[in-house]
Amino acid sequence: MTRTILLLATLLLLGGCPQTSGTDNGAGTGDGGTSGTNTDTSGAGSTDMTTDTGSSDTSTDTTTGGDTTMSGTSMSTSELELAMDALAEINTHRAGKGLPALTWYAPGGEVGYAHCLAMKEGGFFEHTDPITGKDPATRAQEAGIVHDPDGLIDPTSGNPFVGENLYTAIGSIPSGSAAVDGWINSAGHHTQIDAPLPVSGAQTMPAWTHCGIGVHVSGNQSWWTAMFFKDPQ
C-alpha cells in the first residue's frame, strides 16, 4: 500500500542581507502555524488538477530564465527529472489560475535536495532539522541565497519570506504529479503553489517568482522539498 505523508507548508523569515538570520518566530501557515503531519493511506495521483489549463500561455514554460545546472550537493539525473516534472505540474496548475509560471531556481533545488538527504539520514520529516536546528530560511541563507531585493514581501515584518513544501511517499513509484497532487489537496501547501492568490483555510503567500525542488529516491521511499522565492539574487 502506498503511504504518503505531507508536512504542513511553512513560511520562515529569510533575511534580506547576511547579518539577518532566519527565524521561525512569526512564521505562519493556514492552520495557525501547526507543523504536524498528515498521513494519506488512500494512495496518490487520483486528483486531476490540469483540466482547466487550456486558456493560458504560461503552462509549459518551466525554466524561462532558469539554469538547471546543479553544483555542489546534486541530484542524480533521474531525481532532477522528477523535480522538473513537479515544477511542470505546478506551472500547469498555475496556468489554469491565470498565474505566470515559476522559474526553476537551481540553488533552491540544491538546498532542498540537501534537506531531503538530511531527512533520510536523520530519520525525521519536518522543516527544521532537529539535529542541526536549521530551518528553511537558515539553510537558504547559508547557501548564499538572497531574495525579494525590493523588500516587497510582508513589509510590516521587516524581513522577506521563503516558502517550503515537504512530501514523502513510501511504496510507490515516485512521480511529480503525485507530489503536487498531495500539495494541492492540502490548503497549507496549496497556498504556496497558488501564490499570490488566496486559498481557503490558509495564509496567503507572497508572489513567488522562482521555485527549486530537491528530490531524493532511496529504495521504496522518496523525499521532496520544494522551496519558493521572489526574485532571488
C-alpha atoms as a PDB file:
ATOM      1  CA  MET A   1       0.000   0.000   0.000  1.00  0.00           C
ATOM      2  CA  THR A   2       1.257   3.414  -0.845  1.00  0.00           C
ATOM      3  CA  ARG A   3       1.690   5.721   2.118  1.00  0.00           C
ATOM      4  CA  THR A   4       2.169   9.409   1.521  1.00  0.00           C
ATOM      5  CA  ILE A   5       2.976  11.963   4.162  1.00  0.00           C
ATOM      6  CA  LEU A   6       2.683  15.717   3.924  1.00  0.00           C
ATOM      7  CA  LEU A   7       4.150  18.264   6.276  1.00  0.00           C
ATOM      8  CA  LEU A   8       2.195  21.460   6.510  1.00  0.00           C
ATOM      9  CA  ALA A   9       3.720  24.232   4.463  1.00  0.00           C
ATOM     10  CA  THR A  10       5.550  26.811   6.474  1.00  0.00           C
ATOM     11  CA  LEU A  11       6.955  30.278   5.960  1.00  0.00           C
ATOM     12  CA  LEU A  12      10.137  31.269   7.713  1.00  0.00           C
ATOM     13  CA  LEU A  13      11.998  34.530   7.738  1.00  0.00           C
ATOM     14  CA  LEU A  14      14.910  34.869   5.350  1.00  0.00           C
ATOM     15  CA  GLY A  15      16.985  37.948   5.992  1.00  0.00           C
ATOM     16  CA  GLY A  16      17.496  40.214   3.032  1.00  0.00           C
ATOM     17  CA  CYS A  17      21.142  40.695   3.976  1.00  0.00           C
ATOM     18  CA  PRO A  18      23.801  38.410   5.511  1.00  0.00           C
ATOM     19  CA  GLN A  19      23.530  39.776   9.022  1.00  0.00           C
ATOM     20  CA  THR A  20      19.809  38.979   9.269  1.00  0.00           C
ATOM     21  CA  SER A  21      19.467  35.371  10.316  1.00  0.00           C
ATOM     22  CA  GLY A  22      16.386  33.246   9.624  1.00  0.00           C
ATOM     23  CA  THR A  23      13.978  32.531  12.442  1.00  0.00           C
ATOM     24  CA  ASP A  24      10.594  30.914  12.727  1.00  0.00           C
ATOM     25  CA  ASN A  25       9.031  33.369  15.109  1.00  0.00           C
ATOM     26  CA  GLY A  26       6.227  34.904  13.148  1.00  0.00           C
ATOM     27  CA  ALA A  27       6.128  32.039  10.673  1.00  0.00           C
ATOM     28  CA  GLY A  28       2.606  31.236   9.643  1.00  0.00           C
ATOM     29  CA  THR A  29       0.558  28.540   7.972  1.00  0.00           C
ATOM     30  CA  GLY A  30      -3.076  28.345   7.069  1.00  0.00           C
ATOM     31  CA  ASP A  31      -3.938  26.348  10.178  1.00  0.00           C
ATOM     32  CA  GLY A  32      -2.457  28.506  12.854  1.00  0.00           C
ATOM     33  CA  GLY A  33       1.177  27.595  12.421  1.00  0.00           C
ATOM     34  CA  THR A  34       0.940  23.932  13.306  1.00  0.00           C
ATOM     35  CA  SER A  35       3.659  21.710  11.937  1.00  0.00           C
ATOM     36  CA  GLY A  36       2.235  18.234  12.303  1.00  0.00           C
ATOM     37  CA  THR A  37       1.930  15.649   9.560  1.00  0.00           C
ATOM     38  CA  ASN A  38      -0.951  14.294   7.534  1.00  0.00           C
ATOM     39  CA  THR A  39      -0.988  10.637   6.565  1.00  0.00           C
ATOM     40  CA  ASP A  40      -2.898   9.621   3.457  1.00  0.00           C
ATOM     41  CA  THR A  41      -3.472   5.896   3.048  1.00  0.00           C
ATOM     42  CA  SER A  42      -5.708   6.250   0.021  1.00  0.00           C
ATOM     43  CA  GLY A  43      -2.865   6.496  -2.460  1.00  0.00           C
ATOM     44  CA  ALA A  44      -1.750   9.429  -4.564  1.00  0.00           C
ATOM     45  CA  GLY A  45      -2.344  10.728  -8.039  1.00  0.00           C
ATOM     46  CA  SER A  46      -6.138  10.472  -8.138  1.00  0.00           C
ATOM     47  CA  THR A  47      -6.837  14.193  -8.420  1.00  0.00           C
ATOM     48  CA  ASP A  48      -6.756  15.744 -11.885  1.00  0.00           C
ATOM     49  CA  MET A  49      -5.610  19.320 -11.448  1.00  0.00           C
ATOM     50  CA  THR A  50      -4.920  20.061 -15.114  1.00  0.00           C
ATOM     51  CA  THR A  51      -8.435  20.180 -16.523  1.00  0.00           C
ATOM     52  CA  ASP A  52      -8.614  23.967 -16.702  1.00  0.00           C
ATOM     53  CA  THR A  53      -5.286  24.843 -18.281  1.00  0.00           C
ATOM     54  CA  GLY A  54      -6.211  25.477 -21.893  1.00  0.00           C
ATOM     55  CA  SER A  55      -6.611  29.249 -21.818  1.00  0.00           C
ATOM     56  CA  SER A  56      -3.189  30.364 -20.583  1.00  0.00           C
ATOM     57  CA  ASP A  57       0.081  30.574 -22.450  1.00  0.00           C
ATOM     58  CA  THR A  58       2.201  30.174 -19.322  1.00  0.00           C
ATOM     59  CA  SER A  59       1.604  26.482 -18.669  1.00  0.00           C
ATOM     60  CA  THR A  60       4.697  24.933 -20.182  1.00  0.00           C
ATOM     61  CA  ASP A  61       7.434  27.476 -19.602  1.00  0.00           C
ATOM     62  CA  THR A  62       9.015  25.882 -16.563  1.00  0.00           C
ATOM     63  CA  THR A  63      12.596  27.038 -16.998  1.00  0.00           C
ATOM     64  CA  THR A  64      12.470  30.507 -18.560  1.00  0.00           C
ATOM     65  CA  GLY A  65      15.406  32.388 -17.140  1.00  0.00           C
ATOM     66  CA  GLY A  66      16.406  29.370 -15.076  1.00  0.00           C
ATOM     67  CA  ASP A  67      19.546  27.252 -15.268  1.00  0.00           C
ATOM     68  CA  THR A  68      19.039  23.571 -14.484  1.00  0.00           C
ATOM     69  CA  THR A  69      22.752  23.032 -13.847  1.00  0.00           C
ATOM     70  CA  MET A  70      23.323  21.780 -10.327  1.00  0.00           C
ATOM     71  CA  SER A  71      26.587  22.178  -8.446  1.00  0.00           C
ATOM     72  CA  GLY A  72      27.725  21.057  -5.034  1.00  0.00           C
ATOM     73  CA  THR A  73      25.262  18.625  -3.468  1.00  0.00           C
ATOM     74  CA  SER A  74      23.451  17.424  -6.560  1.00  0.00           C
ATOM     75  CA  MET A  75      20.586  15.200  -7.564  1.00  0.00           C
ATOM     76  CA  SER A  76      21.028  12.326  -9.952  1.00  0.00           C
ATOM     77  CA  THR A  77      19.731  12.772 -13.483  1.00  0.00           C
ATOM     78  CA  SER A  78      16.576  10.801 -12.675  1.00  0.00           C
ATOM     79  CA  GLU A  79      15.955  12.772  -9.479  1.00  0.00           C
ATOM     80  CA  LEU A  80      16.389  16.068 -11.343  1.00  0.00           C
ATOM     81  CA  GLU A  81      13.889  14.866 -13.947  1.00  0.00           C
ATOM     82  CA  LEU A  82      11.382  14.194 -11.153  1.00  0.00           C
ATOM     83  CA  ALA A  83      11.975  17.684  -9.778  1.00  0.00           C
ATOM     84  CA  MET A  84      11.420  19.259 -13.185  1.00  0.00           C
ATOM     85  CA  ASP A  85       8.277  17.161 -13.664  1.00  0.00           C
ATOM     86  CA  ALA A  86       6.956  18.506 -10.357  1.00  0.00           C
ATOM     87  CA  LEU A  87       7.675  22.084 -11.424  1.00  0.00           C
ATOM     88  CA  ALA A  88       5.895  21.463 -14.718  1.00  0.00           C
ATOM     89  CA  GLU A  89       2.867  20.199 -12.783  1.00  0.00           C
ATOM     90  CA  ILE A  90       2.959  23.268 -10.543  1.00  0.00           C
ATOM     91  CA  ASN A  91       3.106  25.577 -13.546  1.00  0.00           C
ATOM     92  CA  THR A  92       0.315  23.730 -15.328  1.00  0.00           C
ATOM     93  CA  HIS A  93      -1.846  24.261 -12.259  1.00  0.00           C
ATOM     94  CA  ARG A  94      -0.845  27.916 -12.029  1.00  0.00           C
ATOM     95  CA  ALA A  95      -1.661  28.434 -15.698  1.00  0.00           C
ATOM     96  CA  GLY A  96      -5.193  27.275 -15.028  1.00  0.00           C
ATOM     97  CA  LYS A  97      -5.471  30.078 -12.482  1.00  0.00           C
ATOM     98  CA  GLY A  98      -4.070  32.663 -14.896  1.00  0.00           C
ATOM     99  CA  LEU A  99      -0.804  32.863 -12.971  1.00  0.00           C
ATOM    100  CA  PRO A 100       2.670  33.121 -14.528  1.00  0.00           C
ATOM    101  CA  ALA A 101       4.990  30.131 -14.486  1.00  0.00           C
ATOM    102  CA  LEU A 102       7.549  29.837 -11.709  1.00  0.00           C
ATOM    103  CA  THR A 103      11.127  29.787 -12.971  1.00  0.00           C
ATOM    104  CA  TRP A 104      13.393  26.907 -11.982  1.00  0.00           C
ATOM    105  CA  TYR A 105      15.955  28.024  -9.394  1.00  0.00           C
ATOM    106  CA  ALA A 106      18.885  25.600  -9.134  1.00  0.00           C
ATOM    107  CA  PRO A 107      20.365  26.966  -5.851  1.00  0.00           C
ATOM    108  CA  GLY A 108      16.998  26.410  -4.180  1.00  0.00           C
ATOM    109  CA  GLY A 109      16.901  22.905  -5.613  1.00  0.00           C
ATOM    110  CA  GLU A 110      20.319  22.200  -4.111  1.00  0.00           C
ATOM    111  CA  VAL A 111      19.213  23.410  -0.681  1.00  0.00           C
ATOM    112  CA  GLY A 112      16.048  21.336  -0.971  1.00  0.00           C
ATOM    113  CA  TYR A 113      17.994  18.249  -2.009  1.00  0.00           C
ATOM    114  CA  ALA A 114      20.365  18.604   0.940  1.00  0.00           C
ATOM    115  CA  HIS A 115      17.337  18.711   3.236  1.00  0.00           C
ATOM    116  CA  CYS A 116      15.935  15.559   1.613  1.00  0.00           C
ATOM    117  CA  LEU A 117      19.221  13.794   2.366  1.00  0.00           C
ATOM    118  CA  ALA A 118      19.188  15.124   5.926  1.00  0.00           C
ATOM    119  CA  MET A 119      15.644  13.850   6.480  1.00  0.00           C
ATOM    120  CA  LYS A 120      16.597  10.421   5.165  1.00  0.00           C
ATOM    121  CA  GLU A 121      19.794  10.135   7.188  1.00  0.00           C
ATOM    122  CA  GLY A 122      18.318  11.703  10.336  1.00  0.00           C
ATOM    123  CA  GLY A 123      15.036   9.788  10.250  1.00  0.00           C
ATOM    124  CA  PHE A 124      12.862  12.898  10.577  1.00  0.00           C
ATOM    125  CA  PHE A 125      10.251  14.659   8.466  1.00  0.00           C
ATOM    126  CA  GLU A 126       9.908  18.320   9.317  1.00  0.00           C
ATOM    127  CA  HIS A 127      11.004  21.768   8.187  1.00  0.00           C
ATOM    128  CA  THR A 128      13.517  22.350  10.981  1.00  0.00           C
ATOM    129  CA  ASP A 129      16.338  19.818  11.177  1.00  0.00           C
ATOM    130  CA  PRO A 130      16.236  18.549  14.784  1.00  0.00           C
ATOM    131  CA  ILE A 131      19.908  17.641  14.600  1.00  0.00           C
ATOM    132  CA  THR A 132      21.275  20.983  13.396  1.00  0.00           C
ATOM    133  CA  GLY A 133      18.384  23.208  14.423  1.00  0.00           C
ATOM    134  CA  LYS A 134      18.406  24.842  10.977  1.00  0.00           C
ATOM    135  CA  ASP A 135      15.113  25.983   9.466  1.00  0.00           C
ATOM    136  CA  PRO A 136      14.461  26.633   5.753  1.00  0.00           C
ATOM    137  CA  ALA A 137      15.430  30.294   5.997  1.00  0.00           C
ATOM    138  CA  THR A 138      18.727  29.480   7.677  1.00  0.00           C
ATOM    139  CA  ARG A 139      19.508  26.757   5.158  1.00  0.00           C
ATOM    140  CA  ALA A 140      18.799  29.092   2.246  1.00  0.00           C
ATOM    141  CA  GLN A 141      20.765  31.946   3.745  1.00  0.00           C
ATOM    142  CA  GLU A 142      23.790  29.786   4.475  1.00  0.00           C
ATOM    143  CA  ALA A 143      23.748  28.782   0.803  1.00  0.00           C
ATOM    144  CA  GLY A 144      24.087  32.465  -0.081  1.00  0.00           C
ATOM    145  CA  ILE A 145      20.515  32.896  -1.311  1.00  0.00           C
ATOM    146  CA  VAL A 146      19.041  36.381  -1.035  1.00  0.00           C
ATOM    147  CA  HIS A 147      15.626  37.182  -2.480  1.00  0.00           C
ATOM    148  CA  ASP A 148      12.967  39.901  -2.525  1.00  0.00           C
ATOM    149  CA  PRO A 149      15.561  42.626  -3.243  1.00  0.00           C
ATOM    150  CA  ASP A 150      12.946  45.383  -3.136  1.00  0.00           C
ATOM    151  CA  GLY A 151      11.624  44.315   0.249  1.00  0.00           C
ATOM    152  CA  LEU A 152       8.067  43.970  -1.032  1.00  0.00           C
ATOM    153  CA  ILE A 153       7.107  40.792   0.837  1.00  0.00           C
ATOM    154  CA  ASP A 154       5.196  41.471   4.037  1.00  0.00           C
ATOM    155  CA  PRO A 155       6.819  44.860   4.647  1.00  0.00           C
ATOM    156  CA  THR A 156       5.415  45.011   8.191  1.00  0.00           C
ATOM    157  CA  SER A 157       7.689  42.122   9.211  1.00  0.00           C
ATOM    158  CA  GLY A 158      10.918  43.840   8.238  1.00  0.00           C
ATOM    159  CA  ASN A 159      12.101  40.661   6.528  1.00  0.00           C
ATOM    160  CA  PRO A 160      11.197  38.759   3.381  1.00  0.00           C
ATOM    161  CA  PHE A 161       9.992  35.160   3.472  1.00  0.00           C
ATOM    162  CA  VAL A 162      10.914  31.847   1.889  1.00  0.00           C
ATOM    163  CA  GLY A 163       8.248  29.191   1.389  1.00  0.00           C
ATOM    164  CA  GLU A 164       8.745  25.438   1.672  1.00  0.00           C
ATOM    165  CA  ASN A 165       6.624  22.332   0.966  1.00  0.00           C
ATOM    166  CA  LEU A 166       7.662  18.826   2.001  1.00  0.00           C
ATOM    167  CA  TYR A 167       6.410  15.484   0.719  1.00  0.00           C
ATOM    168  CA  THR A 168       7.426  11.863   1.112  1.00  0.00           C
ATOM    169  CA  ALA A 169       5.998   8.676  -0.360  1.00  0.00           C
ATOM    170  CA  ILE A 170       6.642   5.076   0.633  1.00  0.00           C
ATOM    171  CA  GLY A 171       5.980   2.060  -1.547  1.00  0.00           C
ATOM    172  CA  SER A 172       5.071   3.832  -4.769  1.00  0.00           C
ATOM    173  CA  ILE A 173       6.767   4.816  -7.999  1.00  0.00           C
ATOM    174  CA  PRO A 174       7.900   8.433  -7.480  1.00  0.00           C
ATOM    175  CA  SER A 175       6.191  11.000  -9.676  1.00  0.00           C
ATOM    176  CA  GLY A 176       5.990  14.757  -9.803  1.00  0.00           C
ATOM    177  CA  SER A 177       2.239  14.611 -10.310  1.00  0.00           C
ATOM    178  CA  ALA A 178       1.745  12.598  -7.100  1.00  0.00           C
ATOM    179  CA  ALA A 179       3.777  15.076  -5.064  1.00  0.00           C
ATOM    180  CA  VAL A 180       1.968  18.092  -6.488  1.00  0.00           C
ATOM    181  CA  ASP A 181      -1.439  16.410  -6.135  1.00  0.00           C
ATOM    182  CA  GLY A 182      -0.629  15.898  -2.466  1.00  0.00           C
ATOM    183  CA  TRP A 183       0.260  19.565  -2.060  1.00  0.00           C
ATOM    184  CA  ILE A 184      -2.798  20.752  -3.985  1.00  0.00           C
ATOM    185  CA  ASN A 185      -5.039  18.706  -1.685  1.00  0.00           C
ATOM    186  CA  SER A 186      -3.641  20.389   1.431  1.00  0.00           C
ATOM    187  CA  ALA A 187      -4.503  24.061   1.961  1.00  0.00           C
ATOM    188  CA  GLY A 188      -1.234  24.833   3.738  1.00  0.00           C
ATOM    189  CA  HIS A 189       0.721  23.558   0.724  1.00  0.00           C
ATOM    190  CA  HIS A 190      -1.717  24.667  -1.954  1.00  0.00           C
ATOM    191  CA  THR A 191      -1.305  28.301  -0.910  1.00  0.00           C
ATOM    192  CA  GLN A 192       2.386  28.205  -1.883  1.00  0.00           C
ATOM    193  CA  ILE A 193       1.521  26.959  -5.363  1.00  0.00           C
ATOM    194  CA  ASP A 194      -1.312  29.442  -5.966  1.00  0.00           C
ATOM    195  CA  ALA A 195       0.542  32.448  -4.554  1.00  0.00           C
ATOM    196  CA  PRO A 196      -0.365  35.262  -4.512  1.00  0.00           C
ATOM    197  CA  LEU A 197      -3.990  34.125  -4.901  1.00  0.00           C
ATOM    198  CA  PRO A 198      -5.778  33.300  -1.645  1.00  0.00           C
ATOM    199  CA  VAL A 199      -6.550  29.693  -0.734  1.00  0.00           C
ATOM    200  CA  SER A 200      -9.384  28.978   1.668  1.00  0.00           C
ATOM    201  CA  GLY A 201      -8.138  27.917   5.077  1.00  0.00           C
ATOM    202  CA  ALA A 202      -4.551  29.052   4.533  1.00  0.00           C
ATOM    203  CA  GLN A 203      -2.415  32.144   4.852  1.00  0.00           C
ATOM    204  CA  THR A 204      -1.952  33.942   1.522  1.00  0.00           C
ATOM    205  CA  MET A 205       1.618  33.723   0.299  1.00  0.00           C
ATOM    206  CA  PRO A 206       3.746  36.353  -1.457  1.00  0.00           C
ATOM    207  CA  ALA A 207       4.006  36.470  -5.252  1.00  0.00           C
ATOM    208  CA  TRP A 208       6.697  33.837  -5.698  1.00  0.00           C
ATOM    209  CA  THR A 209       8.655  34.018  -8.958  1.00  0.00           C
ATOM    210  CA  HIS A 210      11.068  31.072  -8.595  1.00  0.00           C
ATOM    211  CA  CYS A 211      10.989  27.532  -7.290  1.00  0.00           C
ATOM    212  CA  GLY A 212      13.713  24.987  -6.580  1.00  0.00           C
ATOM    213  CA  ILE A 213      12.758  21.395  -5.823  1.00  0.00           C
ATOM    214  CA  GLY A 214      15.004  18.763  -4.316  1.00  0.00           C
ATOM    215  CA  VAL A 215      14.122  15.079  -4.730  1.00  0.00           C
ATOM    216  CA  HIS A 216      15.878  12.038  -3.302  1.00  0.00           C
ATOM    217  CA  VAL A 217      14.882   8.442  -4.018  1.00  0.00           C
ATOM    218  CA  SER A 218      16.219   5.527  -1.988  1.00  0.00           C
ATOM    219  CA  GLY A 219      14.743   2.047  -2.039  1.00  0.00           C
ATOM    220  CA  ASN A 220      10.955   2.317  -1.919  1.00  0.00           C
ATOM    221  CA  GLN A 221      10.835   5.838  -0.465  1.00  0.00           C
ATOM    222  CA  SER A 222      11.168   9.302  -1.957  1.00  0.00           C
ATOM    223  CA  TRP A 223      11.616  12.677  -0.263  1.00  0.00           C
ATOM    224  CA  TRP A 224      10.663  16.018  -1.840  1.00  0.00           C
ATOM    225  CA  THR A 225      11.485  19.569  -0.712  1.00  0.00           C
ATOM    226  CA  ALA A 226      10.094  22.470  -2.763  1.00  0.00           C
ATOM    227  CA  MET A 227      11.360  25.967  -1.941  1.00  0.00           C
ATOM    228  CA  PHE A 228       9.730  29.167  -3.181  1.00  0.00           C
ATOM    229  CA  PHE A 229      11.392  32.565  -3.679  1.00  0.00           C
ATOM    230  CA  LYS A 230      10.691  36.031  -5.058  1.00  0.00           C
ATOM    231  CA  ASP A 231      13.313  37.408  -7.452  1.00  0.00           C
ATOM    232  CA  PRO A 232      16.323  35.627  -5.891  1.00  0.00           C
ATOM    233  CA  GLN A 233      19.678  37.287  -6.446  1.00  0.00           C
END
